[in-house]
Amino acid sequence: MSEVRPLTRHRRTPGVLDVLARVGTLVSFTALLVIAAAAGGAVDGSPAGEPTTVTITFDR
């Protein structure tokens, strides 16, 4: 009878897939933020490429 060995070569595969899945999730989330910012800029009326100025005033 042949000896049955555990598949130790494939032990790292779930770890690699987990890292790739997390990176993919981060990339997708970042892309959604960029799209949301572009949509917000389009609704606001300011072009996405121009720097915006924020002014804060405090009344006393």
Protein backbone atom coordinates (compact mmCIF):
# COMPACT_ATOMS: atom_id res chain seq x y z
CA MET A 1 0.00 0.00 0.00
CA SER A 2 1.17 3.50 -0.72
CA GLU A 3 1.55 6.00 2.06
CA VAL A 4 -0.93 8.89 2.07
CA ARG A 5 0.81 12.21 2.72
CA PRO A 6 -0.89 15.49 3.53
CA LEU A 7 -0.82 18.13 0.83
CA THR A 8 1.69 20.45 2.45
CA ARG A 9 2.49 22.23 -0.82
CA HIS A 10 -0.98 23.74 -0.93
CA ARG A 11 -1.04 24.88 2.67
CA ARG A 12 -0.02 28.44 1.70
CA THR A 13 -2.66 28.82 -1.01
CA PRO A 14 -5.52 29.98 1.27
CA GLY A 15 -3.23 32.59 2.81
CA VAL A 16 -2.24 33.97 -0.57
CA LEU A 17 -5.85 33.98 -1.74
CA ASP A 18 -6.87 35.73 1.45
CA VAL A 19 -4.29 38.48 0.90
CA LEU A 20 -5.34 38.88 -2.73
CA ALA A 21 -8.99 39.10 -1.69
CA ARG A 22 -8.20 41.78 0.88
CA VAL A 23 -6.17 43.79 -1.65
CA GLY A 24 -9.00 43.47 -4.16
CA THR A 25 -11.48 44.69 -1.57
CA LEU A 26 -9.27 47.69 -0.75
CA VAL A 27 -8.90 48.55 -4.45
CA SER A 28 -12.65 48.27 -5.00
CA PHE A 29 -13.39 50.45 -1.98
CA THR A 30 -10.89 53.08 -3.13
CA ALA A 31 -12.40 53.09 -6.63
CA LEU A 32 -15.87 53.61 -5.15
CA LEU A 33 -14.57 56.56 -3.12
CA VAL A 34 -13.06 58.13 -6.24
CA ILE A 35 -16.30 57.67 -8.15
CA ALA A 36 -18.29 59.15 -5.28
CA ALA A 37 -15.96 62.16 -5.12
CA ALA A 38 -16.25 62.70 -8.87
CA ALA A 39 -20.04 62.43 -8.71
CA GLY A 40 -20.12 64.84 -5.78
CA GLY A 41 -17.97 67.30 -7.70
CA ALA A 42 -20.23 67.02 -10.73
CA VAL A 43 -23.31 67.72 -8.63
CA ASP A 44 -21.55 70.55 -6.80
CA GLY A 45 -20.51 72.19 -10.03
CA SER A 46 -16.79 72.43 -9.34
CA PRO A 47 -14.49 70.61 -11.78
CA ALA A 48 -12.70 67.58 -10.38
CA GLY A 49 -9.27 68.75 -11.54
CA GLU A 50 -9.33 72.19 -9.93
CA PRO A 51 -8.14 72.64 -6.35
CA THR A 52 -10.88 73.87 -4.06
CA THR A 53 -10.54 76.39 -1.28
CA VAL A 54 -12.23 75.86 2.05
CA THR A 55 -12.77 78.90 4.25
CA ILE A 56 -13.80 78.55 7.88
CA THR A 57 -14.95 81.56 9.87
CA PHE A 58 -15.71 81.70 13.57
CA ASP A 59 -18.23 84.23 14.85
CA ARG A 60 -17.70 85.69 18.31
